[in-house]
N, C-alpha and C. Protein backbone atom coordinates (compact mmCIF):
# COMPACT_ATOMS: atom_id res chain seq x y z
N UNK A 1 0.84 -1.19 0.00
CA UNK A 1 0.00 0.00 0.00
C UNK A 1 0.88 1.25 0.00
N UNK A 2 0.56 2.20 -0.87
CA UNK A 2 1.35 3.42 -0.93
C UNK A 2 1.21 4.24 0.33
N UNK A 3 2.30 4.88 0.67
CA UNK A 3 2.29 5.73 1.85
C UNK A 3 1.57 7.03 1.52
N UNK A 4 0.69 7.44 2.37
CA UNK A 4 -0.10 8.65 2.15
C UNK A 4 0.53 9.79 2.94
N UNK A 5 1.59 10.34 2.39
CA UNK A 5 2.38 11.35 3.09
C UNK A 5 1.58 12.62 3.37
N UNK A 6 0.87 13.11 2.37
CA UNK A 6 0.12 14.35 2.56
C UNK A 6 -1.04 14.18 3.54
N UNK A 7 -1.65 13.01 3.53
CA UNK A 7 -2.72 12.75 4.50
C UNK A 7 -2.15 12.77 5.92
N UNK A 8 -0.98 12.19 6.09
CA UNK A 8 -0.32 12.21 7.41
C UNK A 8 0.01 13.65 7.81
N UNK A 9 0.54 14.44 6.88
CA UNK A 9 0.87 15.84 7.17
C UNK A 9 -0.38 16.63 7.55
N UNK A 10 -1.46 16.40 6.82
CA UNK A 10 -2.72 17.12 7.06
C UNK A 10 -3.32 16.76 8.41
N UNK A 11 -3.39 15.47 8.71
CA UNK A 11 -4.03 15.04 9.96
C UNK A 11 -3.22 15.40 11.19
N UNK A 12 -1.92 15.57 11.00
CA UNK A 12 -1.05 15.99 12.11
C UNK A 12 -1.50 17.33 12.70
N UNK A 13 -2.04 18.19 11.85
CA UNK A 13 -2.45 19.53 12.27
C UNK A 13 -3.87 19.58 12.82
N UNK A 14 -4.62 18.51 12.68
CA UNK A 14 -6.02 18.51 13.12
C UNK A 14 -6.13 18.21 14.62
N UNK A 15 -7.07 18.85 15.29
CA UNK A 15 -7.26 18.60 16.72
C UNK A 15 -8.15 17.38 17.00
N UNK A 16 -8.41 16.58 15.98
CA UNK A 16 -9.27 15.41 16.12
C UNK A 16 -8.81 14.34 15.14
N UNK A 17 -9.20 13.11 15.40
CA UNK A 17 -8.89 12.01 14.48
C UNK A 17 -9.98 11.94 13.41
N UNK A 18 -9.59 11.56 12.21
CA UNK A 18 -10.56 11.42 11.12
C UNK A 18 -11.43 10.19 11.34
N UNK A 19 -12.69 10.31 10.96
CA UNK A 19 -13.57 9.14 10.91
C UNK A 19 -13.16 8.29 9.71
N UNK A 20 -13.63 7.06 9.69
CA UNK A 20 -13.26 6.14 8.61
C UNK A 20 -13.63 6.68 7.23
N UNK A 21 -14.83 7.24 7.07
CA UNK A 21 -15.22 7.74 5.75
C UNK A 21 -14.35 8.91 5.31
N UNK A 22 -13.94 9.75 6.27
CA UNK A 22 -13.06 10.87 5.94
C UNK A 22 -11.68 10.37 5.51
N UNK A 23 -11.14 9.42 6.25
CA UNK A 23 -9.82 8.86 5.92
C UNK A 23 -9.85 8.20 4.55
N UNK A 24 -10.89 7.43 4.27
CA UNK A 24 -10.98 6.74 2.97
C UNK A 24 -11.12 7.74 1.82
N UNK A 25 -11.94 8.77 2.02
CA UNK A 25 -12.11 9.79 0.98
C UNK A 25 -10.82 10.56 0.74
N UNK A 26 -10.14 10.94 1.81
CA UNK A 26 -8.88 11.67 1.68
C UNK A 26 -7.80 10.80 1.03
N UNK A 27 -7.75 9.54 1.40
CA UNK A 27 -6.78 8.62 0.79
C UNK A 27 -7.04 8.50 -0.71
N UNK A 28 -8.30 8.42 -1.10
CA UNK A 28 -8.63 8.35 -2.52
C UNK A 28 -8.19 9.62 -3.25
N UNK A 29 -8.39 10.77 -2.62
CA UNK A 29 -7.93 12.02 -3.22
C UNK A 29 -6.42 12.02 -3.41
N UNK A 30 -5.70 11.61 -2.39
CA UNK A 30 -4.24 11.61 -2.50
C UNK A 30 -3.76 10.64 -3.58
N UNK A 31 -4.52 9.61 -3.83
CA UNK A 31 -4.17 8.66 -4.89
C UNK A 31 -4.62 9.13 -6.27
N UNK A 32 -5.21 10.32 -6.33
CA UNK A 32 -5.58 10.91 -7.61
C UNK A 32 -6.98 10.62 -8.10
N UNK A 33 -7.82 10.08 -7.25
CA UNK A 33 -9.20 9.77 -7.63
C UNK A 33 -10.13 10.95 -7.35
N UNK A 34 -11.22 11.01 -8.09
CA UNK A 34 -12.30 11.94 -7.78
C UNK A 34 -13.12 11.35 -6.64
N UNK A 35 -13.70 12.20 -5.83
CA UNK A 35 -14.43 11.74 -4.65
C UNK A 35 -15.74 12.51 -4.53
N UNK A 36 -16.79 11.80 -4.20
CA UNK A 36 -18.08 12.40 -3.86
C UNK A 36 -18.44 11.90 -2.47
N UNK A 37 -18.62 12.81 -1.54
CA UNK A 37 -18.95 12.43 -0.16
C UNK A 37 -20.38 12.86 0.14
N UNK A 38 -21.20 11.90 0.51
CA UNK A 38 -22.58 12.17 0.94
C UNK A 38 -22.70 11.66 2.37
N UNK A 39 -22.99 12.55 3.28
CA UNK A 39 -23.13 12.18 4.69
C UNK A 39 -24.05 13.20 5.35
N UNK A 40 -24.59 12.86 6.50
CA UNK A 40 -25.51 13.79 7.19
C UNK A 40 -24.83 15.10 7.56
N UNK A 41 -25.63 16.12 7.75
CA UNK A 41 -25.14 17.42 8.21
C UNK A 41 -24.38 17.23 9.52
N UNK A 42 -23.23 17.86 9.60
CA UNK A 42 -22.42 17.78 10.81
C UNK A 42 -21.53 16.57 10.90
N UNK A 43 -21.53 15.73 9.87
CA UNK A 43 -20.72 14.50 9.91
C UNK A 43 -19.25 14.75 9.64
N UNK A 44 -18.92 15.89 9.02
CA UNK A 44 -17.52 16.19 8.76
C UNK A 44 -17.10 16.07 7.31
N UNK A 45 -18.02 16.31 6.40
CA UNK A 45 -17.69 16.24 4.97
C UNK A 45 -16.68 17.32 4.57
N UNK A 46 -16.80 18.49 5.16
CA UNK A 46 -15.97 19.63 4.76
C UNK A 46 -14.49 19.35 4.93
N UNK A 47 -14.11 18.53 5.89
CA UNK A 47 -12.69 18.24 6.09
C UNK A 47 -12.09 17.57 4.85
N UNK A 48 -12.88 16.83 4.11
CA UNK A 48 -12.39 16.20 2.88
C UNK A 48 -12.10 17.28 1.84
N UNK A 49 -12.97 18.27 1.74
CA UNK A 49 -12.72 19.40 0.85
C UNK A 49 -11.49 20.18 1.26
N UNK A 50 -11.30 20.35 2.54
CA UNK A 50 -10.12 21.06 3.03
C UNK A 50 -8.85 20.28 2.73
N UNK A 51 -8.94 18.96 2.71
CA UNK A 51 -7.78 18.16 2.33
C UNK A 51 -7.45 18.36 0.86
N UNK A 52 -8.46 18.53 0.01
CA UNK A 52 -8.21 18.83 -1.40
C UNK A 52 -7.44 20.14 -1.54
N UNK A 53 -7.78 21.13 -0.73
CA UNK A 53 -7.04 22.40 -0.70
C UNK A 53 -5.59 22.13 -0.32
N UNK A 54 -5.40 21.36 0.73
CA UNK A 54 -4.05 21.00 1.19
C UNK A 54 -3.25 20.33 0.07
N UNK A 55 -3.88 19.37 -0.61
CA UNK A 55 -3.19 18.67 -1.70
C UNK A 55 -2.79 19.61 -2.82
N UNK A 56 -3.70 20.50 -3.20
CA UNK A 56 -3.39 21.45 -4.27
C UNK A 56 -2.19 22.31 -3.89
N UNK A 57 -2.19 22.83 -2.68
CA UNK A 57 -1.09 23.68 -2.24
C UNK A 57 0.21 22.89 -2.12
N UNK A 58 0.13 21.69 -1.59
CA UNK A 58 1.34 20.86 -1.42
C UNK A 58 1.93 20.45 -2.76
N UNK A 59 1.06 20.26 -3.76
CA UNK A 59 1.52 19.79 -5.07
C UNK A 59 1.75 20.88 -6.08
N UNK A 60 1.61 22.14 -5.68
CA UNK A 60 1.81 23.24 -6.61
C UNK A 60 0.68 23.41 -7.60
N UNK A 61 -0.49 22.85 -7.29
CA UNK A 61 -1.64 22.96 -8.17
C UNK A 61 -2.53 24.12 -7.80
N UNK A 62 -3.71 24.09 -8.36
CA UNK A 62 -4.69 25.14 -8.13
C UNK A 62 -6.01 24.48 -7.74
N UNK A 63 -6.70 25.07 -6.79
CA UNK A 63 -7.97 24.52 -6.30
C UNK A 63 -9.03 25.60 -6.31
N UNK A 64 -10.20 25.26 -6.83
CA UNK A 64 -11.38 26.11 -6.70
C UNK A 64 -12.28 25.46 -5.65
N UNK A 65 -12.62 26.22 -4.64
CA UNK A 65 -13.49 25.75 -3.56
C UNK A 65 -14.82 26.49 -3.72
N UNK A 66 -15.86 25.78 -4.14
CA UNK A 66 -17.13 26.45 -4.40
C UNK A 66 -18.15 26.19 -3.30
N UNK A 67 -18.98 27.20 -3.09
CA UNK A 67 -20.15 27.07 -2.23
C UNK A 67 -21.33 27.73 -2.95
N UNK A 68 -22.55 27.31 -2.67
CA UNK A 68 -23.70 27.88 -3.37
C UNK A 68 -24.18 29.22 -2.81
N UNK A 69 -23.62 29.65 -1.70
CA UNK A 69 -24.06 30.90 -1.08
C UNK A 69 -22.88 31.84 -0.88
N UNK A 70 -23.08 33.11 -1.19
CA UNK A 70 -22.03 34.10 -1.01
C UNK A 70 -21.54 34.15 0.43
N UNK A 71 -22.46 34.07 1.38
CA UNK A 71 -22.07 34.11 2.80
C UNK A 71 -21.17 32.93 3.15
N UNK A 72 -21.47 31.75 2.61
CA UNK A 72 -20.61 30.58 2.86
C UNK A 72 -19.24 30.76 2.22
N UNK A 73 -19.21 31.34 1.02
CA UNK A 73 -17.93 31.59 0.36
C UNK A 73 -17.09 32.56 1.18
N UNK A 74 -17.72 33.62 1.67
CA UNK A 74 -16.99 34.59 2.50
C UNK A 74 -16.44 33.93 3.76
N UNK A 75 -17.24 33.08 4.40
CA UNK A 75 -16.80 32.40 5.62
C UNK A 75 -15.65 31.44 5.33
N UNK A 76 -15.78 30.65 4.26
CA UNK A 76 -14.72 29.69 3.91
C UNK A 76 -13.44 30.44 3.55
N UNK A 77 -13.56 31.57 2.86
CA UNK A 77 -12.38 32.38 2.54
C UNK A 77 -11.69 32.82 3.82
N UNK A 78 -12.46 33.28 4.79
CA UNK A 78 -11.90 33.69 6.08
C UNK A 78 -11.19 32.53 6.77
N UNK A 79 -11.84 31.37 6.80
CA UNK A 79 -11.26 30.18 7.44
C UNK A 79 -9.96 29.75 6.77
N UNK A 80 -9.98 29.66 5.45
CA UNK A 80 -8.79 29.19 4.73
C UNK A 80 -7.66 30.22 4.79
N UNK A 81 -8.00 31.50 4.77
CA UNK A 81 -6.98 32.54 4.88
C UNK A 81 -6.29 32.46 6.24
N UNK A 82 -7.06 32.21 7.29
CA UNK A 82 -6.47 32.07 8.63
C UNK A 82 -5.49 30.91 8.68
N UNK A 83 -5.79 29.86 7.94
CA UNK A 83 -4.94 28.66 7.98
C UNK A 83 -3.73 28.75 7.04
N UNK A 84 -3.95 29.28 5.83
CA UNK A 84 -2.91 29.22 4.80
C UNK A 84 -2.30 30.57 4.42
N UNK A 85 -2.89 31.66 4.88
CA UNK A 85 -2.36 32.98 4.57
C UNK A 85 -3.06 33.63 3.39
N UNK A 86 -3.14 34.96 3.42
CA UNK A 86 -3.93 35.68 2.41
C UNK A 86 -3.31 35.64 1.02
N UNK A 87 -2.01 35.40 0.91
CA UNK A 87 -1.40 35.35 -0.42
C UNK A 87 -1.74 34.05 -1.16
N UNK A 88 -2.22 33.04 -0.46
CA UNK A 88 -2.52 31.75 -1.08
C UNK A 88 -4.01 31.51 -1.31
N UNK A 89 -4.86 32.39 -0.78
CA UNK A 89 -6.31 32.18 -0.84
C UNK A 89 -6.98 33.41 -1.47
N UNK A 90 -7.82 33.17 -2.47
CA UNK A 90 -8.58 34.25 -3.11
C UNK A 90 -10.07 34.05 -2.92
N UNK A 91 -10.83 35.03 -3.37
CA UNK A 91 -12.29 35.00 -3.26
C UNK A 91 -12.92 35.62 -4.50
N UNK A 92 -13.87 34.92 -5.09
CA UNK A 92 -14.64 35.45 -6.22
C UNK A 92 -16.12 35.19 -5.97
N UNK A 93 -16.88 36.27 -5.86
CA UNK A 93 -18.33 36.14 -5.80
C UNK A 93 -18.87 37.10 -6.85
N UNK A 94 -20.16 37.22 -6.96
CA UNK A 94 -20.74 38.09 -7.98
C UNK A 94 -20.28 39.52 -7.88
N UNK A 95 -19.99 40.00 -6.67
CA UNK A 95 -19.62 41.40 -6.50
C UNK A 95 -18.28 41.61 -5.80
N UNK A 96 -17.51 40.55 -5.63
CA UNK A 96 -16.26 40.66 -4.89
C UNK A 96 -15.16 39.86 -5.59
N UNK A 97 -14.00 40.48 -5.71
CA UNK A 97 -12.83 39.79 -6.25
C UNK A 97 -11.62 40.15 -5.40
N UNK A 98 -11.08 39.15 -4.72
CA UNK A 98 -9.91 39.33 -3.86
C UNK A 98 -8.88 38.29 -4.25
N UNK A 99 -7.71 38.72 -4.70
CA UNK A 99 -6.61 37.81 -5.00
C UNK A 99 -7.06 36.65 -5.90
N UNK A 100 -7.71 36.98 -7.00
CA UNK A 100 -8.32 35.98 -7.89
C UNK A 100 -7.30 35.06 -8.55
N UNK A 101 -6.02 35.42 -8.53
CA UNK A 101 -4.99 34.58 -9.13
C UNK A 101 -4.29 33.68 -8.11
N UNK A 102 -4.81 33.63 -6.90
CA UNK A 102 -4.22 32.79 -5.85
C UNK A 102 -4.34 31.32 -6.23
N UNK A 103 -3.49 30.47 -5.66
CA UNK A 103 -3.58 29.04 -5.96
C UNK A 103 -4.88 28.39 -5.47
N UNK A 104 -5.51 28.96 -4.46
CA UNK A 104 -6.81 28.48 -3.99
C UNK A 104 -7.78 29.66 -4.06
N UNK A 105 -8.87 29.47 -4.78
CA UNK A 105 -9.87 30.53 -4.89
C UNK A 105 -11.22 29.98 -4.45
N UNK A 106 -11.79 30.63 -3.45
CA UNK A 106 -13.13 30.30 -2.98
C UNK A 106 -14.10 31.12 -3.81
N UNK A 107 -15.17 30.47 -4.27
CA UNK A 107 -16.11 31.16 -5.15
C UNK A 107 -17.49 30.56 -5.03
N UNK A 108 -18.46 31.31 -5.50
CA UNK A 108 -19.80 30.75 -5.58
C UNK A 108 -19.84 29.78 -6.76
N UNK A 109 -20.76 28.86 -6.69
CA UNK A 109 -20.91 27.85 -7.73
C UNK A 109 -21.18 28.50 -9.08
N UNK A 110 -21.93 29.60 -9.08
CA UNK A 110 -22.24 30.30 -10.34
C UNK A 110 -21.00 30.88 -10.99
N UNK A 111 -20.05 31.35 -10.20
CA UNK A 111 -18.81 31.88 -10.76
C UNK A 111 -18.07 30.76 -11.50
N UNK A 112 -17.99 29.58 -10.89
CA UNK A 112 -17.35 28.45 -11.56
C UNK A 112 -18.12 28.09 -12.84
N UNK A 113 -19.43 28.04 -12.75
CA UNK A 113 -20.24 27.73 -13.94
C UNK A 113 -19.93 28.70 -15.08
N UNK A 114 -19.86 29.99 -14.77
CA UNK A 114 -19.56 30.98 -15.80
C UNK A 114 -18.17 30.79 -16.39
N UNK A 115 -17.21 30.43 -15.55
CA UNK A 115 -15.86 30.15 -16.04
C UNK A 115 -15.86 28.97 -17.01
N UNK A 116 -16.61 27.94 -16.66
CA UNK A 116 -16.69 26.75 -17.51
C UNK A 116 -17.33 27.09 -18.85
N UNK A 117 -18.43 27.83 -18.83
CA UNK A 117 -19.10 28.22 -20.08
C UNK A 117 -18.20 29.07 -20.97
N UNK A 118 -17.39 29.92 -20.35
CA UNK A 118 -16.52 30.82 -21.10
C UNK A 118 -15.16 30.21 -21.42
N UNK A 119 -14.93 28.98 -20.96
CA UNK A 119 -13.61 28.35 -21.10
C UNK A 119 -12.51 29.30 -20.62
N UNK A 120 -12.71 29.83 -19.45
CA UNK A 120 -11.82 30.83 -18.86
C UNK A 120 -10.39 30.33 -18.72
N UNK A 121 -9.41 31.18 -19.02
CA UNK A 121 -8.01 30.82 -18.79
C UNK A 121 -7.72 30.50 -17.32
N UNK A 122 -8.57 30.97 -16.41
CA UNK A 122 -8.38 30.68 -14.98
C UNK A 122 -8.49 29.19 -14.69
N UNK A 123 -9.09 28.43 -15.61
CA UNK A 123 -9.24 26.98 -15.43
C UNK A 123 -7.93 26.23 -15.67
N UNK A 124 -7.00 26.84 -16.38
CA UNK A 124 -5.74 26.16 -16.70
C UNK A 124 -4.93 25.92 -15.42
N UNK A 125 -4.43 24.73 -15.28
CA UNK A 125 -3.65 24.38 -14.10
C UNK A 125 -4.49 23.96 -12.91
N UNK A 126 -5.79 23.90 -13.11
CA UNK A 126 -6.70 23.52 -12.03
C UNK A 126 -6.52 22.04 -11.71
N UNK A 127 -6.18 21.75 -10.45
CA UNK A 127 -5.96 20.35 -10.07
C UNK A 127 -7.10 19.80 -9.21
N UNK A 128 -7.82 20.67 -8.50
CA UNK A 128 -8.88 20.22 -7.60
C UNK A 128 -10.06 21.20 -7.64
N UNK A 129 -11.26 20.64 -7.59
CA UNK A 129 -12.48 21.44 -7.45
C UNK A 129 -13.28 20.84 -6.30
N UNK A 130 -13.62 21.68 -5.35
CA UNK A 130 -14.45 21.26 -4.22
C UNK A 130 -15.80 21.94 -4.39
N UNK A 131 -16.85 21.16 -4.33
CA UNK A 131 -18.21 21.72 -4.37
C UNK A 131 -18.86 21.40 -3.02
N UNK A 132 -18.76 22.35 -2.12
CA UNK A 132 -19.26 22.17 -0.76
C UNK A 132 -20.73 22.59 -0.68
N UNK A 133 -21.48 21.94 0.19
CA UNK A 133 -22.87 22.28 0.46
C UNK A 133 -23.74 22.27 -0.80
N UNK A 134 -23.52 21.30 -1.68
CA UNK A 134 -24.24 21.27 -2.96
C UNK A 134 -25.75 21.08 -2.79
N UNK A 135 -26.18 20.57 -1.66
CA UNK A 135 -27.62 20.40 -1.46
C UNK A 135 -28.37 21.73 -1.52
N UNK A 136 -27.67 22.84 -1.26
CA UNK A 136 -28.29 24.16 -1.34
C UNK A 136 -28.62 24.57 -2.78
N UNK A 137 -28.00 23.93 -3.75
CA UNK A 137 -28.25 24.30 -5.14
C UNK A 137 -29.71 24.11 -5.53
N UNK A 138 -30.39 23.17 -4.91
CA UNK A 138 -31.79 22.91 -5.21
C UNK A 138 -32.74 23.84 -4.46
N UNK A 139 -32.22 24.64 -3.57
CA UNK A 139 -33.03 25.54 -2.75
C UNK A 139 -33.35 26.82 -3.53
N UNK A 140 -34.58 26.99 -3.91
CA UNK A 140 -34.98 28.18 -4.68
C UNK A 140 -34.84 29.47 -3.88
N UNK A 141 -34.82 29.37 -2.57
CA UNK A 141 -34.75 30.57 -1.72
C UNK A 141 -33.32 31.04 -1.46
N UNK A 142 -32.34 30.33 -1.95
CA UNK A 142 -30.97 30.73 -1.65
C UNK A 142 -30.65 31.98 -2.40
């Protein structure tokens, strides 16, 4: 079995041990697989997305971290900036652009959709895409 060096580095910094589903999902990411995590609210799905951010930064890649709500994007930007520093984390929402060329950019799902439709040059070098809280996409009131 291959050694999961980045998973070990990532979990070293966590104040808790990963659950089995988190460990398996993160291991799959480190091995280069795509991952879809479906679990109840509060189960810890977001830590898998945060590991994708870690992998992108550790590997010199680029990660887009999407959320369906501007408020969630702003919060995730704040969280990731506190952990990785403002030079490595950007934010793109409908009315806000902060460090858009950073290796990790937090954005609303619609911003990513528009980039895909336009075949934006920002997509080049993209190694990871996290779509957090996707269940909100079906909410007409969002």
